[in-house]
Amino acid sequence: MCVERSMKLSTIVILVGVVFLFIPIPPIATIIGIVTILAGVALRALTDK
């Protein structure tokens, strides 16, 4: 059950990162979007067993 919750959280984090990529403040939004996507991928990698 903990793994399922973490996977849902990582999916949400990745989706938030993708949304940030489309915000029209290029340098800030792009950096935040990429960092957020990487955090989601790392979260998924660490919690997926």
Protein backbone atom coordinates (compact mmCIF):
# COMPACT_ATOMS: atom_id res chain seq x y z
CA MET A 1 0.00 0.00 0.00
CA CYS A 2 2.89 2.40 0.73
CA VAL A 3 4.42 1.63 -2.65
CA GLU A 4 1.15 2.47 -4.44
CA ARG A 5 0.88 5.82 -2.65
CA SER A 6 4.49 6.69 -3.51
CA MET A 7 3.97 5.80 -7.15
CA LYS A 8 0.94 8.07 -7.29
CA LEU A 9 2.95 10.86 -5.69
CA SER A 10 5.78 10.43 -8.18
CA THR A 11 3.31 10.57 -11.08
CA ILE A 12 1.85 13.81 -9.72
CA VAL A 13 5.33 15.28 -9.29
CA ILE A 14 6.25 14.39 -12.89
CA LEU A 15 3.00 15.90 -14.20
CA VAL A 16 3.60 19.12 -12.25
CA GLY A 17 7.04 19.32 -13.83
CA VAL A 18 5.56 18.96 -17.31
CA VAL A 19 3.07 21.75 -16.54
CA PHE A 20 5.94 24.01 -15.43
CA LEU A 21 7.60 23.51 -18.83
CA PHE A 22 4.64 25.25 -20.52
CA ILE A 23 4.53 28.30 -18.23
CA PRO A 24 5.62 31.34 -20.26
CA ILE A 25 8.49 32.40 -17.97
CA PRO A 26 11.25 30.61 -19.88
CA PRO A 27 14.35 30.54 -17.66
CA ILE A 28 12.61 30.03 -14.32
CA ALA A 29 9.81 27.71 -15.39
CA THR A 30 12.09 25.54 -17.52
CA ILE A 31 14.57 25.02 -14.70
CA ILE A 32 11.82 24.31 -12.14
CA GLY A 33 10.08 21.98 -14.61
CA ILE A 34 13.22 19.95 -15.34
CA VAL A 35 14.15 19.73 -11.64
CA THR A 36 10.61 18.68 -10.73
CA ILE A 37 10.51 15.99 -13.42
CA LEU A 38 13.89 14.65 -12.27
CA ALA A 39 12.65 14.61 -8.67
CA GLY A 40 9.58 12.62 -9.76
CA VAL A 41 11.68 10.14 -11.69
CA ALA A 42 14.05 9.75 -8.73
CA LEU A 43 11.10 9.27 -6.38
CA ARG A 44 9.69 6.60 -8.66
CA ALA A 45 13.09 4.86 -8.97
CA LEU A 46 13.62 4.84 -5.21
CA THR A 47 10.13 3.61 -4.34
CA ASP A 48 9.62 1.11 -7.19
CA LYS A 49 10.73 -2.33 -6.06
